[in-house]
Protein backbone atom coordinates (compact mmCIF):
# COMPACT_ATOMS: atom_id res chain seq x y z
CA MET A 1 26.83 43.94 51.92
CA PRO A 2 23.66 42.08 52.86
CA GLY A 3 20.64 43.05 50.82
CA GLU A 4 22.70 44.54 47.97
CA LYS A 5 21.52 43.60 44.51
CA LYS A 6 24.17 42.64 41.99
CA ASP A 7 23.42 43.03 38.30
CA LYS A 8 23.92 39.86 36.34
CA LYS A 9 25.68 40.20 33.03
CA LYS A 10 23.12 40.41 30.22
CA ASP A 11 23.51 40.26 26.45
CA ARG A 12 21.69 42.53 24.00
CA ASN A 13 18.53 40.39 24.24
CA ALA A 14 18.53 40.65 28.05
CA GLN A 15 19.34 36.95 28.41
CA GLU A 16 21.67 36.01 31.25
CA VAL A 17 25.24 35.31 30.22
CA THR A 18 26.68 32.38 32.14
CA SER A 19 29.83 30.31 32.16
CA CYS A 20 29.51 27.03 30.35
CA VAL A 21 31.38 24.06 28.95
CA TYR A 22 29.76 22.64 25.83
CA MET A 23 30.80 19.48 23.99
CA PHE A 24 29.72 19.46 20.36
CA PRO A 25 28.56 16.21 18.70
CA ASN A 26 31.76 16.16 16.58
CA GLY A 27 33.97 16.27 19.71
CA ASP A 28 34.79 20.00 19.65
CA ARG A 29 34.73 21.74 23.04
CA TYR A 30 33.76 25.27 24.04
CA ASP A 31 34.62 26.67 27.47
CA GLY A 32 33.50 30.22 28.14
CA GLU A 33 30.59 32.60 28.31
CA CYS A 34 27.28 31.72 26.68
CA ILE A 35 23.53 32.12 26.79
CA GLN A 36 21.13 29.20 27.00
CA LEU A 37 18.80 28.82 24.02
CA ASP A 38 15.77 26.56 23.65
CA GLY A 39 16.53 22.96 24.49
CA ASP A 40 20.13 21.92 25.15
CA SER A 41 21.79 24.37 22.76
CA VAL A 42 23.86 27.36 23.75
CA GLU A 43 25.06 30.46 21.92
CA ARG A 44 28.65 31.52 22.47
CA THR A 45 28.86 35.14 23.60
CA GLY A 46 31.56 37.07 25.45
CA HIS A 47 34.96 35.49 26.05
CA GLY A 48 35.56 31.81 25.40
CA VAL A 49 37.90 29.12 24.11
CA HIS A 50 36.80 26.74 21.34
CA THR A 51 39.03 23.72 20.68
CA THR A 52 38.43 21.43 17.69
CA VAL A 53 39.24 17.74 17.53
CA LEU A 54 41.85 18.63 14.86
CA GLY A 55 43.74 20.84 17.33
CA VAL A 56 42.58 24.28 16.16
CA VAL A 57 42.08 26.63 19.12
CA TYR A 58 40.30 29.98 19.17
CA ASP A 59 40.67 32.04 22.34
CA GLY A 60 38.78 35.30 22.19
CA MET A 61 35.52 37.16 21.95
CA TRP A 62 32.25 35.78 20.59
CA ASP A 63 29.00 37.43 19.53
CA ASN A 64 26.03 35.79 17.81
CA ASP A 65 27.84 32.43 18.14
CA LYS A 66 30.65 33.69 15.86
CA MET A 67 34.21 34.89 16.39
CA ASN A 68 33.69 38.66 16.72
CA GLY A 69 36.12 41.07 18.38
CA LYS A 70 39.68 40.44 19.53
CA GLY A 71 41.00 36.90 19.52
CA LYS A 72 43.74 34.44 18.73
CA LEU A 73 43.32 31.46 16.37
CA THR A 74 46.03 28.79 16.51
CA HIS A 75 46.21 25.94 14.00
CA ALA A 76 47.70 22.52 14.75
CA SER A 77 50.44 23.33 12.21
CA GLY A 78 51.64 26.18 14.44
CA ALA A 79 50.26 28.91 12.19
CA GLN A 80 48.37 31.55 14.14
CA TYR A 81 46.41 34.76 13.75
CA GLU A 82 45.92 37.30 16.49
CA GLY A 83 43.78 40.36 15.98
CA ASP A 84 40.32 41.49 14.95
CA PHE A 85 37.56 39.09 13.87
CA VAL A 86 34.21 39.84 12.23
CA ASP A 87 31.76 36.98 11.62
CA ASN A 88 34.44 34.25 11.85
CA GLN A 89 36.86 36.04 9.50
CA PHE A 90 40.11 37.95 10.01
CA HIS A 91 38.89 41.50 9.52
CA GLY A 92 40.65 44.65 10.73
CA PHE A 93 44.15 44.82 12.17
CA GLY A 94 45.99 41.60 12.95
CA LYS A 95 49.14 39.53 12.80
CA TYR A 96 49.41 36.22 10.96
CA ILE A 97 52.40 33.98 11.71
CA TRP A 98 53.26 31.08 9.38
CA PRO A 99 54.76 27.85 10.79
CA ASN A 100 58.18 28.81 9.36
CA GLY A 101 58.26 31.96 11.54
CA SER A 102 57.60 34.54 8.83
CA PHE A 103 54.73 36.89 9.59
CA TYR A 104 52.48 39.63 8.27
CA GLU A 105 51.19 42.43 10.45
CA GLY A 106 48.62 44.83 9.08
CA GLN A 107 45.13 45.08 7.66
CA PHE A 108 42.88 42.13 6.78
CA VAL A 109 39.57 42.12 4.89
CA GLU A 110 37.50 38.93 4.91
CA SER A 111 40.52 36.81 5.94
CA ARG A 112 42.76 38.23 3.19
CA LEU A 113 45.81 40.46 3.48
CA GLU A 114 44.35 43.72 2.28
CA GLY A 115 45.79 47.19 2.83
CA GLU A 116 48.88 48.59 4.49
CA GLY A 117 51.10 46.11 6.28
CA GLU A 118 54.52 44.68 6.93
CA PHE A 119 55.81 41.24 6.00
CA THR A 120 58.81 39.87 7.89
CA ASP A 121 60.50 36.92 6.19
CA THR A 122 62.38 34.00 7.78
CA GLU A 123 65.64 36.00 7.67
CA GLY A 124 64.11 38.88 9.62
CA GLN A 125 63.97 41.18 6.60
CA VAL A 126 60.95 43.49 6.63
CA TRP A 127 58.93 44.48 3.57
CA ILE A 128 56.35 47.26 3.80
CA GLY A 129 53.61 48.47 1.51
CA HIS A 130 50.13 47.79 0.24
CA PHE A 131 48.99 44.18 0.14
CA HIS A 132 46.17 42.86 -2.01
CA TYR A 133 45.45 39.23 -1.09
CA LYS A 134 48.44 37.28 -2.48
CA ALA A 135 49.89 40.21 -4.44
CA ALA A 136 51.89 43.12 -3.10
CA PRO A 137 53.12 45.25 -5.99
CA GLY A 138 55.58 47.97 -5.06
CA LEU A 139 56.71 46.59 -1.71
CA LYS A 140 59.61 48.44 -0.15
CA PHE A 141 62.44 46.92 1.83
CA LYS A 142 62.61 48.41 5.33
CA LEU A 143 66.26 48.95 6.12
CA ALA A 144 67.11 48.80 9.82
CA MET A 145 70.39 50.57 10.49
CA SER A 146 72.12 50.25 13.83
């Protein structure tokens, strides 16, 4: 309606969040929400897609110019992670898929498999238990009976 005021989206510092496309000096590209900082620089905040010249793509949430919140990171090799991010690291619940199709779904701490989870191998067999980085002592085979 005429005369209505619409609130603009603001970040925690009360700066206006806008849509932007930013090309980094190395050729990387960011397309998403950001705030304008001094000069020509921007800070990624909110939802956005960052694509590197090497073919790595992150599509998800940003805060403080870092991957924070829910997102999906896809490598040129086909490997991908989808889940929680904290300060550019896999942290919380997520799913990591290797290029060969095997995958882990469970807890991550600082980009490492850490805690309860399930690993599904290339044959579709599922292993459950407690993971500790590259070790997983005491895994149990999950038998699926039809």
